[in-house]
């Protein structure tokens, strides 16, 4: 499957977890939502997919494998130069922590990055 644009997968909030009582949001995904609000131009340059909580998450699995379906995750477009620390699955690169994701997006597309 080819990927023409960097693609950010985040959990759609709020969600319910069948294993727990209550309604939830993912703190790391909420940080990504905040970064998108601070940098609205990113949404015009990357694909943002807000996904439901239950696994399996097929859209992610086909790109970076079943073991890498946690969110947030930024899957880099084909041919992208991966930053230091990027993870790989079958030749495809991805970032799965908010600070590295937002550092990459700020460096690649401009805008505000995370404060050190």
PDB file of N, CA and C in Angstrom:
ATOM      1  N   UNK A   1       0.839  -1.179   0.000  1.00  0.00           N
ATOM      2  CA  UNK A   1       0.000   0.000   0.000  1.00  0.00           C
ATOM      3  C   UNK A   1       0.887   1.248   0.000  1.00  0.00           C
ATOM      4  N   UNK A   2       0.677   2.128  -0.936  1.00  0.00           N
ATOM      5  CA  UNK A   2       1.493   3.343  -1.003  1.00  0.00           C
ATOM      6  C   UNK A   2       0.887   4.414  -0.109  1.00  0.00           C
ATOM      7  N   UNK A   3       1.760   5.282   0.385  1.00  0.00           N
ATOM      8  CA  UNK A   3       1.329   6.373   1.257  1.00  0.00           C
ATOM      9  C   UNK A   3       1.937   7.652   0.703  1.00  0.00           C
ATOM     10  N   UNK A   4       1.085   8.528   0.156  1.00  0.00           N
ATOM     11  CA  UNK A   4       1.556   9.738  -0.511  1.00  0.00           C
ATOM     12  C   UNK A   4       1.812  10.890   0.451  1.00  0.00           C
ATOM     13  N   UNK A   5       1.136  10.883   1.606  1.00  0.00           N
ATOM     14  CA  UNK A   5       1.300  11.959   2.584  1.00  0.00           C
ATOM     15  C   UNK A   5       1.578  11.370   3.957  1.00  0.00           C
ATOM     16  N   UNK A   6       2.320  12.116   4.772  1.00  0.00           N
ATOM     17  CA  UNK A   6       2.459  11.714   6.164  1.00  0.00           C
ATOM     18  C   UNK A   6       1.056  11.584   6.736  1.00  0.00           C
ATOM     19  N   UNK A   7       0.842  10.550   7.555  1.00  0.00           N
ATOM     20  CA  UNK A   7      -0.494  10.276   8.077  1.00  0.00           C
ATOM     21  C   UNK A   7      -0.432  10.104   9.584  1.00  0.00           C
ATOM     22  N   UNK A   8      -1.209  10.933  10.273  1.00  0.00           N
ATOM     23  CA  UNK A   8      -1.284  10.901  11.728  1.00  0.00           C
ATOM     24  C   UNK A   8      -2.550  10.166  12.143  1.00  0.00           C
ATOM     25  N   UNK A   9      -2.378   9.121  12.944  1.00  0.00           N
ATOM     26  CA  UNK A   9      -3.492   8.367  13.494  1.00  0.00           C
ATOM     27  C   UNK A   9      -3.630   8.736  14.966  1.00  0.00           C
ATOM     28  N   UNK A  10      -4.826   9.182  15.363  1.00  0.00           N
ATOM     29  CA  UNK A  10      -5.098   9.497  16.758  1.00  0.00           C
ATOM     30  C   UNK A  10      -6.454   8.917  17.142  1.00  0.00           C
ATOM     31  N   UNK A  11      -6.613   8.648  18.439  1.00  0.00           N
ATOM     32  CA  UNK A  11      -7.890   8.129  18.919  1.00  0.00           C
ATOM     33  C   UNK A  11      -8.941   9.218  18.901  1.00  0.00           C
ATOM     34  N   UNK A  12     -10.110   8.869  18.395  1.00  0.00           N
ATOM     35  CA  UNK A  12     -11.248   9.773  18.413  1.00  0.00           C
ATOM     36  C   UNK A  12     -11.765   9.840  19.860  1.00  0.00           C
ATOM     37  N   UNK A  13     -11.958  11.038  20.366  1.00  0.00           N
ATOM     38  CA  UNK A  13     -12.410  11.204  21.744  1.00  0.00           C
ATOM     39  C   UNK A  13     -13.807  11.804  21.758  1.00  0.00           C
ATOM     40  N   UNK A  14     -14.569  11.500  22.782  1.00  0.00           N
ATOM     41  CA  UNK A  14     -14.294  10.532  23.841  1.00  0.00           C
ATOM     42  C   UNK A  14     -14.570   9.106  23.346  1.00  0.00           C
ATOM     43  N   UNK A  15     -14.078   8.144  24.114  1.00  0.00           N
ATOM     44  CA  UNK A  15     -14.321   6.752  23.759  1.00  0.00           C
ATOM     45  C   UNK A  15     -14.614   5.946  25.019  1.00  0.00           C
ATOM     46  N   UNK A  16     -15.196   4.778  24.808  1.00  0.00           N
ATOM     47  CA  UNK A  16     -15.425   3.836  25.899  1.00  0.00           C
ATOM     48  C   UNK A  16     -14.498   2.657  25.701  1.00  0.00           C
ATOM     49  N   UNK A  17     -14.046   2.109  26.807  1.00  0.00           N
ATOM     50  CA  UNK A  17     -13.180   0.937  26.800  1.00  0.00           C
ATOM     51  C   UNK A  17     -13.976  -0.192  27.437  1.00  0.00           C
ATOM     52  N   UNK A  18     -14.245  -1.231  26.668  1.00  0.00           N
ATOM     53  CA  UNK A  18     -15.073  -2.335  27.161  1.00  0.00           C
ATOM     54  C   UNK A  18     -14.496  -2.975  28.422  1.00  0.00           C
ATOM     55  N   UNK A  19     -13.198  -2.847  28.642  1.00  0.00           N
ATOM     56  CA  UNK A  19     -12.554  -3.451  29.807  1.00  0.00           C
ATOM     57  C   UNK A  19     -12.656  -2.576  31.058  1.00  0.00           C
ATOM     58  N   UNK A  20     -13.151  -1.332  30.896  1.00  0.00           N
ATOM     59  CA  UNK A  20     -13.191  -0.403  32.034  1.00  0.00           C
ATOM     60  C   UNK A  20     -14.502   0.378  32.018  1.00  0.00           C
ATOM     61  N   UNK A  21     -14.925   0.786  33.190  1.00  0.00           N
ATOM     62  CA  UNK A  21     -16.111   1.615  33.291  1.00  0.00           C
ATOM     63  C   UNK A  21     -15.747   3.063  33.024  1.00  0.00           C
ATOM     64  N   UNK A  22     -16.623   3.789  32.341  1.00  0.00           N
ATOM     65  CA  UNK A  22     -16.407   5.210  32.155  1.00  0.00           C
ATOM     66  C   UNK A  22     -16.185   5.600  30.711  1.00  0.00           C
ATOM     67  N   UNK A  23     -15.993   6.890  30.532  1.00  0.00           N
ATOM     68  CA  UNK A  23     -15.702   7.473  29.233  1.00  0.00           C
ATOM     69  C   UNK A  23     -14.327   8.102  29.323  1.00  0.00           C
ATOM     70  N   UNK A  24     -13.539   7.999  28.262  1.00  0.00           N
ATOM     71  CA  UNK A  24     -12.117   8.327  28.327  1.00  0.00           C
ATOM     72  C   UNK A  24     -11.660   9.173  27.145  1.00  0.00           C
ATOM     73  N   UNK A  25     -10.447   9.731  27.310  1.00  0.00           N
ATOM     74  CA  UNK A  25      -9.694  10.277  26.192  1.00  0.00           C
ATOM     75  C   UNK A  25      -8.246   9.886  26.409  1.00  0.00           C
ATOM     76  N   UNK A  26      -7.506   9.816  25.342  1.00  0.00           N
ATOM     77  CA  UNK A  26      -6.078   9.481  25.375  1.00  0.00           C
ATOM     78  C   UNK A  26      -5.296  10.779  25.569  1.00  0.00           C
ATOM     79  N   UNK A  27      -4.494  10.860  26.627  1.00  0.00           N
ATOM     80  CA  UNK A  27      -3.763  12.101  26.898  1.00  0.00           C
ATOM     81  C   UNK A  27      -2.754  12.417  25.792  1.00  0.00           C
ATOM     82  N   UNK A  28      -2.103  11.410  25.257  1.00  0.00           N
ATOM     83  CA  UNK A  28      -1.134  11.652  24.182  1.00  0.00           C
ATOM     84  C   UNK A  28      -1.831  12.122  22.909  1.00  0.00           C
ATOM     85  N   UNK A  29      -3.005  11.561  22.620  1.00  0.00           N
ATOM     86  CA  UNK A  29      -3.759  12.004  21.444  1.00  0.00           C
ATOM     87  C   UNK A  29      -4.319  13.401  21.654  1.00  0.00           C
ATOM     88  N   UNK A  30      -4.704  13.717  22.893  1.00  0.00           N
ATOM     89  CA  UNK A  30      -5.169  15.068  23.200  1.00  0.00           C
ATOM     90  C   UNK A  30      -4.047  16.080  22.984  1.00  0.00           C
ATOM     91  N   UNK A  31      -2.811  15.703  23.316  1.00  0.00           N
ATOM     92  CA  UNK A  31      -1.670  16.587  23.053  1.00  0.00           C
ATOM     93  C   UNK A  31      -1.516  16.817  21.549  1.00  0.00           C
ATOM     94  N   UNK A  32      -1.759  15.773  20.755  1.00  0.00           N
ATOM     95  CA  UNK A  32      -1.677  15.927  19.303  1.00  0.00           C
ATOM     96  C   UNK A  32      -2.782  16.843  18.787  1.00  0.00           C
ATOM     97  N   UNK A  33      -3.987  16.722  19.346  1.00  0.00           N
ATOM     98  CA  UNK A  33      -5.080  17.618  18.961  1.00  0.00           C
ATOM     99  C   UNK A  33      -4.700  19.064  19.270  1.00  0.00           C
ATOM    100  N   UNK A  34      -4.068  19.285  20.420  1.00  0.00           N
ATOM    101  CA  UNK A  34      -3.617  20.630  20.771  1.00  0.00           C
ATOM    102  C   UNK A  34      -2.564  21.149  19.811  1.00  0.00           C
ATOM    103  N   UNK A  35      -1.632  20.290  19.410  1.00  0.00           N
ATOM    104  CA  UNK A  35      -0.603  20.694  18.441  1.00  0.00           C
ATOM    105  C   UNK A  35      -1.236  21.039  17.095  1.00  0.00           C
ATOM    106  N   UNK A  36      -2.270  20.302  16.701  1.00  0.00           N
ATOM    107  CA  UNK A  36      -2.976  20.604  15.453  1.00  0.00           C
ATOM    108  C   UNK A  36      -3.715  21.942  15.547  1.00  0.00           C
ATOM    109  N   UNK A  37      -4.270  22.250  16.722  1.00  0.00           N
ATOM    110  CA  UNK A  37      -4.918  23.548  16.914  1.00  0.00           C
ATOM    111  C   UNK A  37      -3.904  24.688  16.842  1.00  0.00           C
ATOM    112  N   UNK A  38      -2.710  24.468  17.396  1.00  0.00           N
ATOM    113  CA  UNK A  38      -1.661  25.495  17.372  1.00  0.00           C
ATOM    114  C   UNK A  38      -1.065  25.664  15.975  1.00  0.00           C
ATOM    115  N   UNK A  39      -1.193  24.643  15.153  1.00  0.00           N
ATOM    116  CA  UNK A  39      -0.616  24.635  13.805  1.00  0.00           C
ATOM    117  C   UNK A  39      -1.663  24.163  12.796  1.00  0.00           C
ATOM    118  N   UNK A  40      -2.704  24.941  12.559  1.00  0.00           N
ATOM    119  CA  UNK A  40      -3.787  24.476  11.685  1.00  0.00           C
ATOM    120  C   UNK A  40      -3.343  24.173  10.259  1.00  0.00           C
ATOM    121  N   UNK A  41      -2.233  24.751   9.835  1.00  0.00           N
ATOM    122  CA  UNK A  41      -1.743  24.496   8.473  1.00  0.00           C
ATOM    123  C   UNK A  41      -1.250  23.055   8.299  1.00  0.00           C
ATOM    124  N   UNK A  42      -0.904  22.362   9.388  1.00  0.00           N
ATOM    125  CA  UNK A  42      -0.479  20.967   9.271  1.00  0.00           C
ATOM    126  C   UNK A  42      -1.586  20.106   8.662  1.00  0.00           C
ATOM    127  N   UNK A  43      -2.823  20.354   9.040  1.00  0.00           N
ATOM    128  CA  UNK A  43      -3.943  19.531   8.564  1.00  0.00           C
ATOM    129  C   UNK A  43      -4.125  19.614   7.049  1.00  0.00           C
ATOM    130  N   UNK A  44      -3.608  20.679   6.438  1.00  0.00           N
ATOM    131  CA  UNK A  44      -3.682  20.802   4.979  1.00  0.00           C
ATOM    132  C   UNK A  44      -2.545  20.040   4.301  1.00  0.00           C
ATOM    133  N   UNK A  45      -1.523  19.672   5.049  1.00  0.00           N
ATOM    134  CA  UNK A  45      -0.334  19.047   4.466  1.00  0.00           C
ATOM    135  C   UNK A  45      -0.209  17.559   4.777  1.00  0.00           C
ATOM    136  N   UNK A  46      -0.882  17.112   5.844  1.00  0.00           N
ATOM    137  CA  UNK A  46      -0.834  15.700   6.226  1.00  0.00           C
ATOM    138  C   UNK A  46      -2.256  15.160   6.274  1.00  0.00           C
ATOM    139  N   UNK A  47      -2.385  13.858   6.328  1.00  0.00           N
ATOM    140  CA  UNK A  47      -3.687  13.237   6.570  1.00  0.00           C
ATOM    141  C   UNK A  47      -3.807  12.968   8.066  1.00  0.00           C
ATOM    142  N   UNK A  48      -4.942  13.325   8.631  1.00  0.00           N
ATOM    143  CA  UNK A  48      -5.215  13.064  10.037  1.00  0.00           C
ATOM    144  C   UNK A  48      -6.402  12.119  10.097  1.00  0.00           C
ATOM    145  N   UNK A  49      -6.186  10.961  10.729  1.00  0.00           N
ATOM    146  CA  UNK A  49      -7.248   9.958  10.833  1.00  0.00           C
ATOM    147  C   UNK A  49      -7.558   9.734  12.309  1.00  0.00           C
ATOM    148  N   UNK A  50      -8.770  10.099  12.675  1.00  0.00           N
ATOM    149  CA  UNK A  50      -9.248   9.882  14.045  1.00  0.00           C
ATOM    150  C   UNK A  50      -9.961   8.532  14.076  1.00  0.00           C
ATOM    151  N   UNK A  51      -9.387   7.630  14.856  1.00  0.00           N
ATOM    152  CA  UNK A  51      -9.803   6.232  14.825  1.00  0.00           C
ATOM    153  C   UNK A  51     -10.572   5.847  16.087  1.00  0.00           C
ATOM    154  N   UNK A  52     -11.454   4.839  15.973  1.00  0.00           N
ATOM    155  CA  UNK A  52     -12.122   4.320  17.170  1.00  0.00           C
ATOM    156  C   UNK A  52     -11.135   3.550  18.050  1.00  0.00           C
ATOM    157  N   UNK A  53     -11.498   3.404  19.313  1.00  0.00           N
ATOM    158  CA  UNK A  53     -10.611   2.760  20.276  1.00  0.00           C
ATOM    159  C   UNK A  53     -10.416   1.249  20.070  1.00  0.00           C
ATOM    160  N   UNK A  54     -11.459   0.474  19.767  1.00  0.00           N
ATOM    161  CA  UNK A  54     -11.282  -0.991  19.752  1.00  0.00           C
ATOM    162  C   UNK A  54     -10.207  -1.473  18.768  1.00  0.00           C
ATOM    163  N   UNK A  55      -9.525  -2.517  19.183  1.00  0.00           N
ATOM    164  CA  UNK A  55      -8.575  -3.206  18.315  1.00  0.00           C
ATOM    165  C   UNK A  55      -9.279  -4.404  17.708  1.00  0.00           C
ATOM    166  N   UNK A  56      -8.824  -4.916  16.602  1.00  0.00           N
ATOM    167  CA  UNK A  56      -7.655  -4.489  15.825  1.00  0.00           C
ATOM    168  C   UNK A  56      -7.949  -3.234  15.011  1.00  0.00           C
ATOM    169  N   UNK A  57      -6.899  -2.475  14.767  1.00  0.00           N
ATOM    170  CA  UNK A  57      -6.996  -1.218  14.016  1.00  0.00           C
ATOM    171  C   UNK A  57      -6.382  -1.450  12.638  1.00  0.00           C
ATOM    172  N   UNK A  58      -7.200  -1.966  11.741  1.00  0.00           N
ATOM    173  CA  UNK A  58      -6.734  -2.455  10.449  1.00  0.00           C
ATOM    174  C   UNK A  58      -6.005  -1.402   9.613  1.00  0.00           C
ATOM    175  N   UNK A  59      -6.463  -0.147   9.648  1.00  0.00           N
ATOM    176  CA  UNK A  59      -5.816   0.899   8.846  1.00  0.00           C
ATOM    177  C   UNK A  59      -4.347   1.081   9.237  1.00  0.00           C
ATOM    178  N   UNK A  60      -4.048   0.884  10.514  1.00  0.00           N
ATOM    179  CA  UNK A  60      -2.669   1.007  10.989  1.00  0.00           C
ATOM    180  C   UNK A  60      -1.905  -0.289  10.732  1.00  0.00           C
ATOM    181  N   UNK A  61      -2.548  -1.409  11.009  1.00  0.00           N
ATOM    182  CA  UNK A  61      -1.892  -2.711  10.863  1.00  0.00           C
ATOM    183  C   UNK A  61      -1.357  -2.916   9.454  1.00  0.00           C
ATOM    184  N   UNK A  62      -2.116  -2.544   8.433  1.00  0.00           N
ATOM    185  CA  UNK A  62      -1.660  -2.760   7.058  1.00  0.00           C
ATOM    186  C   UNK A  62      -0.425  -1.925   6.733  1.00  0.00           C
ATOM    187  N   UNK A  63      -0.214  -0.844   7.470  1.00  0.00           N
ATOM    188  CA  UNK A  63       0.939   0.030   7.207  1.00  0.00           C
ATOM    189  C   UNK A  63       2.171  -0.341   8.032  1.00  0.00           C
ATOM    190  N   UNK A  64       1.968  -0.598   9.358  1.00  0.00           N
ATOM    191  CA  UNK A  64       3.139  -0.771  10.228  1.00  0.00           C
ATOM    192  C   UNK A  64       3.035  -1.980  11.159  1.00  0.00           C
ATOM    193  N   UNK A  65       2.123  -2.877  10.885  1.00  0.00           N
ATOM    194  CA  UNK A  65       2.067  -4.134  11.614  1.00  0.00           C
ATOM    195  C   UNK A  65       1.209  -4.114  12.869  1.00  0.00           C
ATOM    196  N   UNK A  66       0.749  -5.290  13.237  1.00  0.00           N
ATOM    197  CA  UNK A  66      -0.157  -5.444  14.380  1.00  0.00           C
ATOM    198  C   UNK A  66       0.465  -4.976  15.692  1.00  0.00           C
ATOM    199  N   UNK A  67       1.754  -5.173  15.848  1.00  0.00           N
ATOM    200  CA  UNK A  67       2.422  -4.804  17.094  1.00  0.00           C
ATOM    201  C   UNK A  67       2.612  -3.296  17.254  1.00  0.00           C
ATOM    202  N   UNK A  68       2.285  -2.523  16.222  1.00  0.00           N
ATOM    203  CA  UNK A  68       2.492  -1.068  16.243  1.00  0.00           C
ATOM    204  C   UNK A  68       1.198  -0.277  16.094  1.00  0.00           C
ATOM    205  N   UNK A  69       0.090  -0.813  16.590  1.00  0.00           N
ATOM    206  CA  UNK A  69      -1.202  -0.166  16.359  1.00  0.00           C
ATOM    207  C   UNK A  69      -1.637   0.797  17.465  1.00  0.00           C
ATOM    208  N   UNK A  70      -0.740   1.107  18.406  1.00  0.00           N
ATOM    209  CA  UNK A  70      -1.064   2.104  19.425  1.00  0.00           C
ATOM    210  C   UNK A  70      -1.053   3.495  18.803  1.00  0.00           C
ATOM    211  N   UNK A  71      -1.789   4.407  19.431  1.00  0.00           N
ATOM    212  CA  UNK A  71      -1.853   5.781  18.945  1.00  0.00           C
ATOM    213  C   UNK A  71      -1.495   6.726  20.075  1.00  0.00           C
ATOM    214  N   UNK A  72      -0.965   7.894  19.731  1.00  0.00           N
ATOM    215  CA  UNK A  72      -0.813   8.456  18.395  1.00  0.00           C
ATOM    216  C   UNK A  72       0.354   7.806  17.658  1.00  0.00           C
ATOM    217  N   UNK A  73       0.243   7.817  16.341  1.00  0.00           N
ATOM    218  CA  UNK A  73       1.346   7.362  15.502  1.00  0.00           C
ATOM    219  C   UNK A  73       1.312   8.167  14.204  1.00  0.00           C
ATOM    220  N   UNK A  74       2.483   8.637  13.806  1.00  0.00           N
ATOM    221  CA  UNK A  74       2.638   9.327  12.530  1.00  0.00           C
ATOM    222  C   UNK A  74       3.393   8.392  11.603  1.00  0.00           C
ATOM    223  N   UNK A  75       2.736   7.975  10.528  1.00  0.00           N
ATOM    224  CA  UNK A  75       3.358   7.113   9.531  1.00  0.00           C
ATOM    225  C   UNK A  75       3.851   8.023   8.413  1.00  0.00           C
ATOM    226  N   UNK A  76       5.153   7.943   8.133  1.00  0.00           N
ATOM    227  CA  UNK A  76       5.746   8.837   7.145  1.00  0.00           C
ATOM    228  C   UNK A  76       5.417   8.391   5.728  1.00  0.00           C
ATOM    229  N   UNK A  77       5.228   9.367   4.871  1.00  0.00           N
ATOM    230  CA  UNK A  77       4.928   9.103   3.462  1.00  0.00           C
ATOM    231  C   UNK A  77       6.069   8.348   2.811  1.00  0.00           C
ATOM    232  N   UNK A  78       5.744   7.595   1.785  1.00  0.00           N
ATOM    233  CA  UNK A  78       6.770   6.882   1.022  1.00  0.00           C
ATOM    234  C   UNK A  78       7.811   7.876   0.535  1.00  0.00           C
ATOM    235  N   UNK A  79       9.082   7.521   0.666  1.00  0.00           N
ATOM    236  CA  UNK A  79      10.163   8.368   0.185  1.00  0.00           C
ATOM    237  C   UNK A  79      10.596   9.447   1.156  1.00  0.00           C
ATOM    238  N   UNK A  80       9.923   9.569   2.307  1.00  0.00           N
ATOM    239  CA  UNK A  80      10.317  10.569   3.300  1.00  0.00           C
ATOM    240  C   UNK A  80      11.636  10.173   3.945  1.00  0.00           C
ATOM    241  N   UNK A  81      12.404  11.167   4.326  1.00  0.00           N
ATOM    242  CA  UNK A  81      13.630  10.916   5.081  1.00  0.00           C
ATOM    243  C   UNK A  81      13.265  10.842   6.549  1.00  0.00           C
ATOM    244  N   UNK A  82      13.464   9.694   7.172  1.00  0.00           N
ATOM    245  CA  UNK A  82      13.050   9.559   8.562  1.00  0.00           C
ATOM    246  C   UNK A  82      13.984  10.328   9.492  1.00  0.00           C
ATOM    247  N   UNK A  83      13.422  10.942  10.537  1.00  0.00           N
ATOM    248  CA  UNK A  83      14.269  11.616  11.517  1.00  0.00           C
ATOM    249  C   UNK A  83      14.968  10.585  12.399  1.00  0.00           C
ATOM    250  N   UNK A  84      15.975  11.034  13.101  1.00  0.00           N
ATOM    251  CA  UNK A  84      16.655  10.162  14.049  1.00  0.00           C
ATOM    252  C   UNK A  84      15.633   9.655  15.064  1.00  0.00           C
ATOM    253  N   UNK A  85      15.697   8.383  15.362  1.00  0.00           N
ATOM    254  CA  UNK A  85      14.782   7.798  16.330  1.00  0.00           C
ATOM    255  C   UNK A  85      13.512   7.228  15.738  1.00  0.00           C
ATOM    256  N   UNK A  86      13.302   7.408  14.428  1.00  0.00           N
ATOM    257  CA  UNK A  86      12.113   6.832  13.800  1.00  0.00           C
ATOM    258  C   UNK A  86      12.189   5.312  13.863  1.00  0.00           C
ATOM    259  N   UNK A  87      11.049   4.692  13.996  1.00  0.00           N
ATOM    260  CA  UNK A  87      10.956   3.240  13.985  1.00  0.00           C
ATOM    261  C   UNK A  87      10.622   2.796  12.566  1.00  0.00           C
ATOM    262  N   UNK A  88      10.891   1.526  12.275  1.00  0.00           N
ATOM    263  CA  UNK A  88      10.645   1.011  10.925  1.00  0.00           C
ATOM    264  C   UNK A  88       9.892  -0.305  11.000  1.00  0.00           C
ATOM    265  N   UNK A  89       9.057  -0.515   9.988  1.00  0.00           N
ATOM    266  CA  UNK A  89       8.366  -1.783   9.799  1.00  0.00           C
ATOM    267  C   UNK A  89       8.335  -2.045   8.308  1.00  0.00           C
ATOM    268  N   UNK A  90       9.040  -3.079   7.876  1.00  0.00           N
ATOM    269  CA  UNK A  90       9.071  -3.482   6.469  1.00  0.00           C
ATOM    270  C   UNK A  90       9.337  -2.302   5.540  1.00  0.00           C
ATOM    271  N   UNK A  91      10.312  -1.469   5.899  1.00  0.00           N
ATOM    272  CA  UNK A  91      10.727  -0.364   5.046  1.00  0.00           C
ATOM    273  C   UNK A  91       9.896   0.906   5.185  1.00  0.00           C
ATOM    274  N   UNK A  92       8.894   0.895   6.042  1.00  0.00           N
ATOM    275  CA  UNK A  92       8.064   2.077   6.274  1.00  0.00           C
ATOM    276  C   UNK A  92       8.429   2.639   7.645  1.00  0.00           C
ATOM    277  N   UNK A  93       8.567   3.972   7.727  1.00  0.00           N
ATOM    278  CA  UNK A  93       8.994   4.623   8.959  1.00  0.00           C
ATOM    279  C   UNK A  93       7.824   5.275   9.674  1.00  0.00           C
ATOM    280  N   UNK A  94       7.934   5.319  11.014  1.00  0.00           N
ATOM    281  CA  UNK A  94       6.887   5.934  11.819  1.00  0.00           C
ATOM    282  C   UNK A  94       7.443   6.444  13.144  1.00  0.00           C
ATOM    283  N   UNK A  95       6.686   7.377  13.726  1.00  0.00           N
ATOM    284  CA  UNK A  95       6.982   7.938  15.041  1.00  0.00           C
ATOM    285  C   UNK A  95       5.768   7.694  15.919  1.00  0.00           C
ATOM    286  N   UNK A  96       5.998   7.330  17.184  1.00  0.00           N
ATOM    287  CA  UNK A  96       4.854   6.970  18.025  1.00  0.00           C
ATOM    288  C   UNK A  96       4.841   7.630  19.399  1.00  0.00           C
ATOM    289  N   UNK A  97       5.477   8.778  19.519  1.00  0.00           N
ATOM    290  CA  UNK A  97       5.438   9.567  20.749  1.00  0.00           C
ATOM    291  C   UNK A  97       5.153  11.019  20.373  1.00  0.00           C
ATOM    292  N   UNK A  98       4.368  11.736  21.195  1.00  0.00           N
ATOM    293  CA  UNK A  98       3.962  13.100  20.840  1.00  0.00           C
ATOM    294  C   UNK A  98       5.120  14.070  20.559  1.00  0.00           C
ATOM    295  N   UNK A  99       6.154  14.100  21.399  1.00  0.00           N
ATOM    296  CA  UNK A  99       7.237  15.070  21.159  1.00  0.00           C
ATOM    297  C   UNK A  99       7.970  14.802  19.848  1.00  0.00           C
ATOM    298  N   UNK A 100       8.419  13.575  19.576  1.00  0.00           N
ATOM    299  CA  UNK A 100       9.063  13.351  18.272  1.00  0.00           C
ATOM    300  C   UNK A 100       8.131  13.624  17.084  1.00  0.00           C
ATOM    301  N   UNK A 101       6.854  13.288  17.230  1.00  0.00           N
ATOM    302  CA  UNK A 101       5.900  13.554  16.143  1.00  0.00           C
ATOM    303  C   UNK A 101       5.818  15.048  15.878  1.00  0.00           C
ATOM    304  N   UNK A 102       5.621  15.846  16.934  1.00  0.00           N
ATOM    305  CA  UNK A 102       5.456  17.286  16.738  1.00  0.00           C
ATOM    306  C   UNK A 102       6.760  17.965  16.337  1.00  0.00           C
ATOM    307  N   UNK A 103       7.899  17.458  16.798  1.00  0.00           N
ATOM    308  CA  UNK A 103       9.190  17.997  16.328  1.00  0.00           C
ATOM    309  C   UNK A 103       9.327  17.788  14.821  1.00  0.00           C
ATOM    310  N   UNK A 104       8.997  16.576  14.365  1.00  0.00           N
ATOM    311  CA  UNK A 104       9.083  16.267  12.940  1.00  0.00           C
ATOM    312  C   UNK A 104       8.130  17.155  12.136  1.00  0.00           C
ATOM    313  N   UNK A 105       6.889  17.282  12.592  1.00  0.00           N
ATOM    314  CA  UNK A 105       5.919  18.093  11.852  1.00  0.00           C
ATOM    315  C   UNK A 105       6.351  19.552  11.786  1.00  0.00           C
ATOM    316  N   UNK A 106       6.865  20.096  12.884  1.00  0.00           N
ATOM    317  CA  UNK A 106       7.330  21.489  12.887  1.00  0.00           C
ATOM    318  C   UNK A 106       8.532  21.664  11.960  1.00  0.00           C
ATOM    319  N   UNK A 107       9.461  20.717  11.976  1.00  0.00           N
ATOM    320  CA  UNK A 107      10.650  20.802  11.117  1.00  0.00           C
ATOM    321  C   UNK A 107      10.285  20.647   9.648  1.00  0.00           C
ATOM    322  N   UNK A 108       9.302  19.796   9.359  1.00  0.00           N
ATOM    323  CA  UNK A 108       8.939  19.494   7.984  1.00  0.00           C
ATOM    324  C   UNK A 108       7.964  20.509   7.393  1.00  0.00           C
ATOM    325  N   UNK A 109       6.994  20.955   8.187  1.00  0.00           N
ATOM    326  CA  UNK A 109       5.918  21.789   7.661  1.00  0.00           C
ATOM    327  C   UNK A 109       5.876  23.190   8.273  1.00  0.00           C
ATOM    328  N   UNK A 110       6.812  23.494   9.168  1.00  0.00           N
ATOM    329  CA  UNK A 110       6.846  24.800   9.811  1.00  0.00           C
ATOM    330  C   UNK A 110       5.861  24.875  10.961  1.00  0.00           C
ATOM    331  N   UNK A 111       5.980  25.952  11.727  1.00  0.00           N
ATOM    332  CA  UNK A 111       5.067  26.164  12.835  1.00  0.00           C
ATOM    333  C   UNK A 111       5.709  25.892  14.168  1.00  0.00           C
ATOM    334  N   UNK A 112       4.876  25.847  15.187  1.00  0.00           N
ATOM    335  CA  UNK A 112       5.333  25.695  16.558  1.00  0.00           C
ATOM    336  C   UNK A 112       5.603  24.229  16.874  1.00  0.00           C
ATOM    337  N   UNK A 113       6.731  24.017  17.518  1.00  0.00           N
ATOM    338  CA  UNK A 113       7.083  22.687  17.995  1.00  0.00           C
ATOM    339  C   UNK A 113       6.946  22.627  19.497  1.00  0.00           C
ATOM    340  N   UNK A 114       7.205  21.460  20.077  1.00  0.00           N
ATOM    341  CA  UNK A 114       7.079  21.310  21.526  1.00  0.00           C
ATOM    342  C   UNK A 114       8.210  22.014  22.262  1.00  0.00           C
ATOM    343  N   UNK A 115       7.886  22.631  23.366  1.00  0.00           N
ATOM    344  CA  UNK A 115       8.898  23.281  24.192  1.00  0.00           C
ATOM    345  C   UNK A 115       9.764  22.198  24.825  1.00  0.00           C
ATOM    346  N   UNK A 116      11.082  22.392  24.820  1.00  0.00           N
ATOM    347  CA  UNK A 116      11.944  21.357  25.406  1.00  0.00           C
ATOM    348  C   UNK A 116      11.683  21.207  26.878  1.00  0.00           C
TER     349      UNK A 116
END
